Amino acid sequence: MSELCRVRAMIVDDLPMVLAWRNHWDVRRFMFTQHEIGLDEHRNWFSRLCHDETRRLLIAMVGEVPIGYVQFDNVADDGVSNWGFYADPKATKGTGKKLGFAALTYAFGELNLHKVCGQAVDFNTASIALHERLGFAQEGVLREQQRIQGSYRSIVCFGLLKSDWIVRMIPLGEPN
């Protein structure tokens, strides 16, 4: 049996690792902002957000090994939150599903969210497929919403209700 995936709060010591993941081209090319982030900019971002009670900056772990980053914003009891995530670019196949399962279990359990919303750039087929595998419903497309790599791209919008998560995912258990 594989070790369970869990999430924990991001700490200052995680900054170099998360920055390396975020700046890796396999992650950065799917972001709305694609410039390479410097350490000072990264530290300022973390300092600004780490004490914000409406945000959760998290590291997904399998055992003691970090496998990815997850964030939730607009966090409020029984509220609607947006999430964002990325796996360690060197992680094995299936890491995204483990990360997503752990993050959503946390979101609907500990955070007691009503709904989690996500977005993916139209060419990020892996993220779109992951949202669908995790039970998200596609709620719309923002046509040519974001300029990325010199052209306007559409953004696919997803939503997952706590009631759907409980019915669909919890009986299945954590993915391997």
N, C-alpha and C. Protein backbone atom coordinates (compact mmCIF):
# COMPACT_ATOMS: atom_id res chain seq x y z
N MET A 1 0.85 -1.19 0.00
CA MET A 1 0.00 0.00 0.00
C MET A 1 0.89 1.25 0.00
N SER A 2 0.57 2.22 -0.86
CA SER A 2 1.37 3.44 -0.92
C SER A 2 1.03 4.36 0.24
N GLU A 3 1.99 5.24 0.56
CA GLU A 3 1.76 6.20 1.63
C GLU A 3 0.72 7.21 1.21
N LEU A 4 -0.07 7.66 2.17
CA LEU A 4 -1.10 8.65 1.89
C LEU A 4 -0.49 10.01 1.60
N CYS A 5 -1.17 10.75 0.77
CA CYS A 5 -0.80 12.13 0.49
C CYS A 5 -1.57 13.02 1.45
N ARG A 6 -0.91 14.05 1.94
CA ARG A 6 -1.54 15.02 2.84
C ARG A 6 -1.02 16.40 2.48
N VAL A 7 -1.66 17.42 3.02
CA VAL A 7 -1.17 18.77 2.83
C VAL A 7 -0.80 19.37 4.19
N ARG A 8 0.16 20.28 4.13
CA ARG A 8 0.57 21.01 5.33
C ARG A 8 0.80 22.46 4.92
N ALA A 9 0.84 23.34 5.90
CA ALA A 9 1.08 24.76 5.62
C ALA A 9 2.48 24.95 5.03
N MET A 10 2.57 25.82 4.06
CA MET A 10 3.87 26.19 3.49
C MET A 10 4.61 27.05 4.51
N ILE A 11 5.92 26.84 4.63
CA ILE A 11 6.74 27.62 5.54
C ILE A 11 7.88 28.29 4.76
N VAL A 12 8.57 29.22 5.41
CA VAL A 12 9.66 29.96 4.77
C VAL A 12 10.70 29.02 4.17
N ASP A 13 11.00 27.93 4.85
CA ASP A 13 12.00 26.98 4.34
C ASP A 13 11.60 26.34 3.01
N ASP A 14 10.31 26.39 2.66
CA ASP A 14 9.83 25.82 1.40
C ASP A 14 10.04 26.76 0.21
N LEU A 15 10.38 28.02 0.47
CA LEU A 15 10.45 29.01 -0.61
C LEU A 15 11.38 28.61 -1.76
N PRO A 16 12.62 28.18 -1.51
CA PRO A 16 13.48 27.82 -2.65
C PRO A 16 12.91 26.68 -3.49
N MET A 17 12.34 25.67 -2.85
CA MET A 17 11.77 24.53 -3.57
C MET A 17 10.58 24.96 -4.41
N VAL A 18 9.67 25.71 -3.82
CA VAL A 18 8.47 26.15 -4.54
C VAL A 18 8.85 27.09 -5.68
N LEU A 19 9.83 27.95 -5.47
CA LEU A 19 10.30 28.85 -6.52
C LEU A 19 10.88 28.06 -7.69
N ALA A 20 11.66 27.04 -7.39
CA ALA A 20 12.24 26.19 -8.45
C ALA A 20 11.13 25.50 -9.24
N TRP A 21 10.12 24.98 -8.55
CA TRP A 21 8.99 24.36 -9.24
C TRP A 21 8.28 25.37 -10.12
N ARG A 22 7.95 26.54 -9.56
CA ARG A 22 7.17 27.57 -10.26
C ARG A 22 7.91 28.09 -11.49
N ASN A 23 9.23 28.20 -11.39
CA ASN A 23 10.01 28.74 -12.51
C ASN A 23 10.35 27.69 -13.57
N HIS A 24 10.13 26.43 -13.27
CA HIS A 24 10.40 25.37 -14.25
C HIS A 24 9.45 25.57 -15.43
N TRP A 25 9.96 25.45 -16.65
CA TRP A 25 9.14 25.72 -17.83
C TRP A 25 7.90 24.84 -17.91
N ASP A 26 7.98 23.60 -17.44
CA ASP A 26 6.82 22.71 -17.50
C ASP A 26 5.68 23.17 -16.59
N VAL A 27 5.97 24.03 -15.64
CA VAL A 27 4.94 24.64 -14.78
C VAL A 27 4.62 26.04 -15.30
N ARG A 28 5.63 26.84 -15.49
CA ARG A 28 5.48 28.27 -15.83
C ARG A 28 4.69 28.49 -17.12
N ARG A 29 4.84 27.60 -18.09
CA ARG A 29 4.18 27.81 -19.39
C ARG A 29 2.66 27.75 -19.30
N PHE A 30 2.12 27.21 -18.19
CA PHE A 30 0.67 27.15 -18.01
C PHE A 30 0.13 28.24 -17.09
N MET A 31 1.00 29.11 -16.60
CA MET A 31 0.60 30.18 -15.68
C MET A 31 0.11 31.40 -16.44
N PHE A 32 -0.72 32.19 -15.77
CA PHE A 32 -1.19 33.43 -16.38
C PHE A 32 -0.04 34.43 -16.50
N THR A 33 0.85 34.45 -15.51
CA THR A 33 2.05 35.27 -15.59
C THR A 33 3.23 34.33 -15.79
N GLN A 34 3.98 34.54 -16.85
CA GLN A 34 4.96 33.55 -17.24
C GLN A 34 6.41 33.98 -17.09
N HIS A 35 6.63 35.17 -16.56
CA HIS A 35 8.02 35.57 -16.38
C HIS A 35 8.68 34.73 -15.30
N GLU A 36 9.99 34.63 -15.36
CA GLU A 36 10.72 33.92 -14.32
C GLU A 36 10.74 34.79 -13.08
N ILE A 37 10.32 34.23 -11.98
CA ILE A 37 10.20 34.97 -10.73
C ILE A 37 11.53 34.94 -9.99
N GLY A 38 11.94 36.11 -9.51
CA GLY A 38 13.17 36.21 -8.72
C GLY A 38 12.90 35.90 -7.25
N LEU A 39 13.96 35.64 -6.51
CA LEU A 39 13.82 35.28 -5.10
C LEU A 39 13.18 36.40 -4.28
N ASP A 40 13.55 37.67 -4.53
CA ASP A 40 12.95 38.77 -3.79
C ASP A 40 11.45 38.88 -4.06
N GLU A 41 11.06 38.76 -5.31
CA GLU A 41 9.63 38.80 -5.66
C GLU A 41 8.90 37.65 -4.97
N HIS A 42 9.52 36.48 -4.97
CA HIS A 42 8.92 35.29 -4.34
C HIS A 42 8.78 35.49 -2.83
N ARG A 43 9.82 36.00 -2.19
CA ARG A 43 9.75 36.27 -0.74
C ARG A 43 8.67 37.29 -0.42
N ASN A 44 8.58 38.34 -1.23
CA ASN A 44 7.55 39.37 -1.00
C ASN A 44 6.15 38.79 -1.15
N TRP A 45 5.96 37.95 -2.15
CA TRP A 45 4.67 37.28 -2.34
C TRP A 45 4.30 36.47 -1.09
N PHE A 46 5.25 35.68 -0.61
CA PHE A 46 4.99 34.84 0.56
C PHE A 46 4.72 35.69 1.80
N SER A 47 5.52 36.72 2.01
CA SER A 47 5.33 37.60 3.18
C SER A 47 3.96 38.26 3.16
N ARG A 48 3.52 38.64 1.98
CA ARG A 48 2.23 39.32 1.83
C ARG A 48 1.06 38.37 2.09
N LEU A 49 1.19 37.11 1.70
CA LEU A 49 0.05 36.20 1.75
C LEU A 49 0.03 35.21 2.91
N CYS A 50 1.17 34.93 3.51
CA CYS A 50 1.22 33.83 4.50
C CYS A 50 0.40 34.11 5.76
N HIS A 51 0.13 35.36 6.07
CA HIS A 51 -0.66 35.68 7.26
C HIS A 51 -2.09 36.09 6.92
N ASP A 52 -2.46 35.98 5.66
CA ASP A 52 -3.80 36.34 5.20
C ASP A 52 -4.74 35.20 5.58
N GLU A 53 -5.69 35.48 6.46
CA GLU A 53 -6.62 34.44 6.95
C GLU A 53 -7.54 33.89 5.86
N THR A 54 -7.64 34.58 4.73
CA THR A 54 -8.50 34.11 3.65
C THR A 54 -7.74 33.27 2.63
N ARG A 55 -6.48 33.00 2.89
CA ARG A 55 -5.65 32.21 1.97
C ARG A 55 -5.05 31.03 2.70
N ARG A 56 -4.81 29.97 1.96
CA ARG A 56 -4.04 28.84 2.46
C ARG A 56 -3.00 28.52 1.42
N LEU A 57 -1.75 28.59 1.81
CA LEU A 57 -0.61 28.20 0.98
C LEU A 57 -0.13 26.87 1.53
N LEU A 58 -0.15 25.84 0.71
CA LEU A 58 0.06 24.47 1.20
C LEU A 58 1.10 23.72 0.38
N ILE A 59 1.73 22.78 1.04
CA ILE A 59 2.63 21.84 0.39
C ILE A 59 2.00 20.46 0.50
N ALA A 60 1.88 19.78 -0.64
CA ALA A 60 1.39 18.40 -0.65
C ALA A 60 2.58 17.48 -0.39
N MET A 61 2.36 16.50 0.47
CA MET A 61 3.43 15.59 0.90
C MET A 61 2.97 14.14 0.75
N VAL A 62 3.89 13.29 0.33
CA VAL A 62 3.71 11.84 0.43
C VAL A 62 4.79 11.39 1.38
N GLY A 63 4.38 10.94 2.57
CA GLY A 63 5.34 10.68 3.62
C GLY A 63 6.02 11.99 3.98
N GLU A 64 7.33 12.02 3.88
CA GLU A 64 8.09 13.24 4.17
C GLU A 64 8.58 13.93 2.89
N VAL A 65 8.08 13.48 1.74
CA VAL A 65 8.54 14.01 0.46
C VAL A 65 7.54 15.01 -0.11
N PRO A 66 7.95 16.27 -0.31
CA PRO A 66 7.06 17.26 -0.93
C PRO A 66 6.85 16.90 -2.40
N ILE A 67 5.59 16.95 -2.84
CA ILE A 67 5.28 16.59 -4.23
C ILE A 67 4.60 17.73 -5.00
N GLY A 68 4.21 18.80 -4.31
CA GLY A 68 3.55 19.88 -5.03
C GLY A 68 3.07 20.99 -4.12
N TYR A 69 2.56 22.01 -4.77
CA TYR A 69 2.07 23.22 -4.11
C TYR A 69 0.58 23.38 -4.41
N VAL A 70 -0.18 23.85 -3.41
CA VAL A 70 -1.61 24.11 -3.56
C VAL A 70 -1.95 25.40 -2.83
N GLN A 71 -2.84 26.19 -3.41
CA GLN A 71 -3.33 27.35 -2.67
C GLN A 71 -4.83 27.47 -2.82
N PHE A 72 -5.46 27.98 -1.79
CA PHE A 72 -6.88 28.32 -1.79
C PHE A 72 -6.98 29.78 -1.40
N ASP A 73 -7.86 30.52 -2.09
CA ASP A 73 -8.10 31.90 -1.68
C ASP A 73 -9.58 32.09 -1.38
N ASN A 74 -9.91 33.24 -0.84
CA ASN A 74 -11.29 33.54 -0.42
C ASN A 74 -11.83 32.50 0.55
N VAL A 75 -10.98 31.97 1.42
CA VAL A 75 -11.38 30.92 2.34
C VAL A 75 -12.28 31.50 3.42
N ALA A 76 -13.47 30.92 3.55
CA ALA A 76 -14.43 31.27 4.60
C ALA A 76 -15.28 30.04 4.85
N ASP A 77 -15.68 29.84 6.11
CA ASP A 77 -16.49 28.69 6.46
C ASP A 77 -17.73 28.63 5.57
N ASP A 78 -17.96 27.48 4.95
CA ASP A 78 -19.09 27.25 4.04
C ASP A 78 -19.06 28.21 2.85
N GLY A 79 -17.84 28.63 2.46
CA GLY A 79 -17.68 29.59 1.39
C GLY A 79 -17.27 28.96 0.07
N VAL A 80 -17.01 29.84 -0.90
CA VAL A 80 -16.58 29.46 -2.24
C VAL A 80 -15.15 29.94 -2.41
N SER A 81 -14.27 29.03 -2.74
CA SER A 81 -12.84 29.33 -2.84
C SER A 81 -12.31 28.96 -4.21
N ASN A 82 -11.32 29.71 -4.65
CA ASN A 82 -10.57 29.37 -5.87
C ASN A 82 -9.32 28.62 -5.45
N TRP A 83 -8.93 27.65 -6.27
CA TRP A 83 -7.70 26.94 -5.97
C TRP A 83 -6.75 27.02 -7.14
N GLY A 84 -5.50 26.84 -6.83
CA GLY A 84 -4.45 26.72 -7.82
C GLY A 84 -3.45 25.69 -7.32
N PHE A 85 -2.73 25.05 -8.22
CA PHE A 85 -1.83 23.99 -7.79
C PHE A 85 -0.83 23.70 -8.89
N TYR A 86 0.27 23.10 -8.50
CA TYR A 86 1.18 22.49 -9.45
C TYR A 86 2.01 21.45 -8.71
N ALA A 87 2.35 20.42 -9.45
CA ALA A 87 3.17 19.34 -8.90
C ALA A 87 4.64 19.64 -9.17
N ASP A 88 5.48 19.03 -8.39
CA ASP A 88 6.91 19.05 -8.67
C ASP A 88 7.07 18.56 -10.11
N PRO A 89 7.73 19.35 -10.98
CA PRO A 89 7.84 18.94 -12.38
C PRO A 89 8.56 17.61 -12.59
N LYS A 90 9.28 17.14 -11.58
CA LYS A 90 9.97 15.86 -11.70
C LYS A 90 9.18 14.71 -11.07
N ALA A 91 7.96 15.00 -10.63
CA ALA A 91 7.15 13.99 -9.95
C ALA A 91 6.68 12.92 -10.93
N THR A 92 6.35 11.79 -10.38
CA THR A 92 5.89 10.66 -11.19
C THR A 92 4.44 10.86 -11.66
N LYS A 93 4.08 10.12 -12.69
CA LYS A 93 2.72 10.16 -13.22
C LYS A 93 1.75 9.78 -12.09
N GLY A 94 0.64 10.49 -12.01
CA GLY A 94 -0.35 10.24 -10.96
C GLY A 94 -0.22 11.16 -9.77
N THR A 95 0.85 11.94 -9.73
CA THR A 95 1.07 12.85 -8.60
C THR A 95 -0.03 13.90 -8.51
N GLY A 96 -0.46 14.43 -9.64
CA GLY A 96 -1.51 15.45 -9.63
C GLY A 96 -2.79 14.96 -9.00
N LYS A 97 -3.17 13.73 -9.30
CA LYS A 97 -4.40 13.17 -8.73
C LYS A 97 -4.27 13.00 -7.21
N LYS A 98 -3.11 12.54 -6.75
CA LYS A 98 -2.88 12.41 -5.30
C LYS A 98 -2.93 13.77 -4.62
N LEU A 99 -2.24 14.74 -5.22
CA LEU A 99 -2.22 16.10 -4.69
C LEU A 99 -3.64 16.65 -4.64
N GLY A 100 -4.38 16.50 -5.73
CA GLY A 100 -5.75 17.01 -5.79
C GLY A 100 -6.65 16.37 -4.77
N PHE A 101 -6.56 15.07 -4.62
CA PHE A 101 -7.39 14.36 -3.65
C PHE A 101 -7.11 14.86 -2.23
N ALA A 102 -5.84 14.98 -1.88
CA ALA A 102 -5.47 15.45 -0.54
C ALA A 102 -5.94 16.89 -0.31
N ALA A 103 -5.74 17.74 -1.32
CA ALA A 103 -6.11 19.15 -1.19
C ALA A 103 -7.62 19.32 -1.06
N LEU A 104 -8.38 18.57 -1.85
CA LEU A 104 -9.84 18.71 -1.80
C LEU A 104 -10.41 18.09 -0.52
N THR A 105 -9.81 17.02 -0.04
CA THR A 105 -10.22 16.45 1.24
C THR A 105 -10.03 17.50 2.35
N TYR A 106 -8.91 18.20 2.32
CA TYR A 106 -8.63 19.29 3.26
C TYR A 106 -9.63 20.44 3.08
N ALA A 107 -9.89 20.81 1.84
CA ALA A 107 -10.78 21.95 1.55
C ALA A 107 -12.20 21.70 2.06
N PHE A 108 -12.72 20.52 1.79
CA PHE A 108 -14.10 20.24 2.18
C PHE A 108 -14.22 19.72 3.61
N GLY A 109 -13.10 19.26 4.17
CA GLY A 109 -13.09 18.80 5.56
C GLY A 109 -12.70 19.91 6.49
N GLU A 110 -11.40 20.12 6.62
CA GLU A 110 -10.88 21.10 7.59
C GLU A 110 -11.34 22.53 7.31
N LEU A 111 -11.35 22.94 6.05
CA LEU A 111 -11.76 24.32 5.73
C LEU A 111 -13.27 24.47 5.64
N ASN A 112 -13.99 23.36 5.52
CA ASN A 112 -15.44 23.35 5.43
C ASN A 112 -15.96 24.26 4.30
N LEU A 113 -15.33 24.16 3.15
CA LEU A 113 -15.77 24.96 2.00
C LEU A 113 -17.03 24.36 1.40
N HIS A 114 -17.83 25.20 0.79
CA HIS A 114 -19.03 24.77 0.08
C HIS A 114 -18.68 24.39 -1.36
N LYS A 115 -17.73 25.14 -1.95
CA LYS A 115 -17.40 24.95 -3.35
C LYS A 115 -15.95 25.35 -3.59
N VAL A 116 -15.30 24.61 -4.48
CA VAL A 116 -13.95 24.95 -4.94
C VAL A 116 -14.04 25.20 -6.44
N CYS A 117 -13.47 26.32 -6.87
CA CYS A 117 -13.45 26.69 -8.29
C CYS A 117 -12.02 26.63 -8.80
N GLY A 118 -11.87 26.23 -10.05
CA GLY A 118 -10.56 26.17 -10.68
C GLY A 118 -10.61 26.70 -12.10
N GLN A 119 -9.45 27.05 -12.62
CA GLN A 119 -9.33 27.51 -13.99
C GLN A 119 -8.12 26.86 -14.63
N ALA A 120 -8.21 26.64 -15.92
CA ALA A 120 -7.08 26.09 -16.67
C ALA A 120 -7.03 26.77 -18.04
N VAL A 121 -5.82 27.10 -18.47
CA VAL A 121 -5.64 27.63 -19.82
C VAL A 121 -6.04 26.53 -20.80
N ASP A 122 -6.68 26.92 -21.90
CA ASP A 122 -7.25 25.94 -22.83
C ASP A 122 -6.27 24.91 -23.37
N PHE A 123 -4.98 25.22 -23.42
CA PHE A 123 -4.02 24.24 -23.93
C PHE A 123 -3.42 23.37 -22.83
N ASN A 124 -3.85 23.57 -21.59
CA ASN A 124 -3.35 22.76 -20.48
C ASN A 124 -4.26 21.52 -20.33
N THR A 125 -4.12 20.61 -21.26
CA THR A 125 -4.99 19.44 -21.30
C THR A 125 -4.85 18.56 -20.06
N ALA A 126 -3.66 18.52 -19.47
CA ALA A 126 -3.45 17.71 -18.26
C ALA A 126 -4.27 18.27 -17.10
N SER A 127 -4.27 19.59 -16.92
CA SER A 127 -5.04 20.20 -15.84
C SER A 127 -6.54 20.04 -16.07
N ILE A 128 -6.97 20.21 -17.31
CA ILE A 128 -8.39 20.04 -17.63
C ILE A 128 -8.82 18.60 -17.31
N ALA A 129 -8.03 17.63 -17.73
CA ALA A 129 -8.35 16.23 -17.46
C ALA A 129 -8.33 15.93 -15.96
N LEU A 130 -7.39 16.52 -15.23
CA LEU A 130 -7.33 16.29 -13.79
C LEU A 130 -8.58 16.83 -13.10
N HIS A 131 -8.98 18.04 -13.45
CA HIS A 131 -10.21 18.59 -12.87
C HIS A 131 -11.38 17.64 -13.11
N GLU A 132 -11.49 17.14 -14.32
CA GLU A 132 -12.58 16.23 -14.64
C GLU A 132 -12.48 14.93 -13.84
N ARG A 133 -11.27 14.37 -13.71
CA ARG A 133 -11.09 13.13 -12.93
C ARG A 133 -11.43 13.33 -11.46
N LEU A 134 -11.19 14.52 -10.95
CA LEU A 134 -11.49 14.81 -9.55
C LEU A 134 -12.96 15.13 -9.31
N GLY A 135 -13.76 15.19 -10.37
CA GLY A 135 -15.20 15.39 -10.22
C GLY A 135 -15.69 16.80 -10.47
N PHE A 136 -14.80 17.71 -10.88
CA PHE A 136 -15.23 19.08 -11.18
C PHE A 136 -16.14 19.08 -12.40
N ALA A 137 -17.11 19.98 -12.40
CA ALA A 137 -17.95 20.23 -13.58
C ALA A 137 -17.38 21.43 -14.32
N GLN A 138 -17.35 21.35 -15.63
CA GLN A 138 -16.96 22.52 -16.41
C GLN A 138 -18.12 23.49 -16.37
N GLU A 139 -17.84 24.72 -15.91
CA GLU A 139 -18.90 25.71 -15.72
C GLU A 139 -18.87 26.82 -16.76
N GLY A 140 -17.88 26.80 -17.61
CA GLY A 140 -17.85 27.82 -18.65
C GLY A 140 -16.47 27.98 -19.24
N VAL A 141 -16.40 28.79 -20.27
CA VAL A 141 -15.14 29.12 -20.92
C VAL A 141 -15.11 30.63 -21.10
N LEU A 142 -14.04 31.24 -20.62
CA LEU A 142 -13.81 32.66 -20.84
C LEU A 142 -13.01 32.77 -22.13
N ARG A 143 -13.66 33.15 -23.20
CA ARG A 143 -13.03 33.14 -24.51
C ARG A 143 -11.97 34.21 -24.63
N GLU A 144 -10.80 33.78 -25.12
CA GLU A 144 -9.67 34.68 -25.35
C GLU A 144 -9.49 35.67 -24.20
N GLN A 145 -9.44 35.14 -23.00
CA GLN A 145 -9.43 35.92 -21.77
C GLN A 145 -8.03 36.38 -21.35
N GLN A 146 -7.02 35.59 -21.64
CA GLN A 146 -5.68 35.83 -21.10
C GLN A 146 -4.65 35.81 -22.22
N ARG A 147 -3.81 36.85 -22.24
CA ARG A 147 -2.73 36.88 -23.23
C ARG A 147 -1.56 36.06 -22.68
N ILE A 148 -1.21 35.01 -23.42
CA ILE A 148 -0.16 34.09 -23.01
C ILE A 148 0.71 33.81 -24.23
N GLN A 149 2.01 34.00 -24.07
CA GLN A 149 2.96 33.74 -25.15
C GLN A 149 2.57 34.45 -26.44
N GLY A 150 2.10 35.69 -26.29
CA GLY A 150 1.84 36.54 -27.45
C GLY A 150 0.48 36.40 -28.10
N SER A 151 -0.37 35.51 -27.60
CA SER A 151 -1.72 35.42 -28.17
C SER A 151 -2.75 35.21 -27.06
N TYR A 152 -3.96 35.58 -27.36
CA TYR A 152 -5.03 35.43 -26.37
C TYR A 152 -5.51 33.99 -26.32
N ARG A 153 -5.63 33.48 -25.11
CA ARG A 153 -6.05 32.10 -24.89
C ARG A 153 -7.33 32.09 -24.06
N SER A 154 -8.13 31.08 -24.25
CA SER A 154 -9.36 30.90 -23.48
C SER A 154 -9.04 30.22 -22.15
N ILE A 155 -9.87 30.50 -21.17
CA ILE A 155 -9.72 29.93 -19.83
C ILE A 155 -10.94 29.05 -19.55
N VAL A 156 -10.69 27.79 -19.21
CA VAL A 156 -11.75 26.85 -18.88
C VAL A 156 -12.00 26.93 -17.38
N CYS A 157 -13.27 27.14 -17.00
CA CYS A 157 -13.64 27.32 -15.59
C CYS A 157 -14.35 26.08 -15.07
N PHE A 158 -13.98 25.68 -13.85
CA PHE A 158 -14.51 24.48 -13.22
C PHE A 158 -15.05 24.78 -11.84
N GLY A 159 -15.98 23.96 -11.38
CA GLY A 159 -16.49 24.06 -10.02
C GLY A 159 -16.78 22.69 -9.46
N LEU A 160 -16.53 22.54 -8.16
CA LEU A 160 -16.82 21.29 -7.46
C LEU A 160 -17.50 21.62 -6.14
N LEU A 161 -18.72 21.10 -5.96
CA LEU A 161 -19.46 21.31 -4.73
C LEU A 161 -19.08 20.26 -3.70
N LYS A 162 -19.12 20.65 -2.44
CA LYS A 162 -18.83 19.71 -1.36
C LYS A 162 -19.75 18.49 -1.44
N SER A 163 -21.03 18.71 -1.73
CA SER A 163 -21.98 17.59 -1.79
C SER A 163 -21.60 16.62 -2.90
N ASP A 164 -21.12 17.11 -4.03
CA ASP A 164 -20.67 16.23 -5.11
C ASP A 164 -19.40 15.48 -4.73
N TRP A 165 -18.50 16.17 -4.03
CA TRP A 165 -17.24 15.55 -3.59
C TRP A 165 -17.53 14.38 -2.66
N ILE A 166 -18.39 14.61 -1.70
CA ILE A 166 -18.71 13.57 -0.72
C ILE A 166 -19.33 12.35 -1.41
N VAL A 167 -20.27 12.57 -2.29
CA VAL A 167 -20.95 11.48 -2.99
C VAL A 167 -20.01 10.74 -3.93
N ARG A 168 -19.20 11.47 -4.67
CA ARG A 168 -18.41 10.87 -5.75
C ARG A 168 -17.05 10.34 -5.31
N MET A 169 -16.35 11.08 -4.45
CA MET A 169 -14.95 10.76 -4.20
C MET A 169 -14.66 10.03 -2.89
N ILE A 170 -15.27 10.40 -1.85
CA ILE A 170 -14.92 9.83 -0.56
C ILE A 170 -15.08 8.29 -0.54
N PRO A 171 -16.17 7.73 -1.09
CA PRO A 171 -16.27 6.25 -1.06
C PRO A 171 -15.16 5.54 -1.83
N LEU A 172 -14.53 6.24 -2.76
CA LEU A 172 -13.48 5.61 -3.57
C LEU A 172 -12.16 5.49 -2.83
N GLY A 173 -11.95 6.31 -1.81
CA GLY A 173 -10.67 6.32 -1.11
C GLY A 173 -9.61 7.04 -1.90
N GLU A 174 -8.45 7.24 -1.29
CA GLU A 174 -7.37 7.96 -1.96
C GLU A 174 -6.82 7.15 -3.12
N PRO A 175 -6.54 7.84 -4.25
CA PRO A 175 -5.98 7.12 -5.40
C PRO A 175 -4.57 6.64 -5.12
N ASN A 176 -4.18 5.58 -5.79
CA ASN A 176 -2.81 5.07 -5.66
C ASN A 176 -1.88 5.82 -6.58
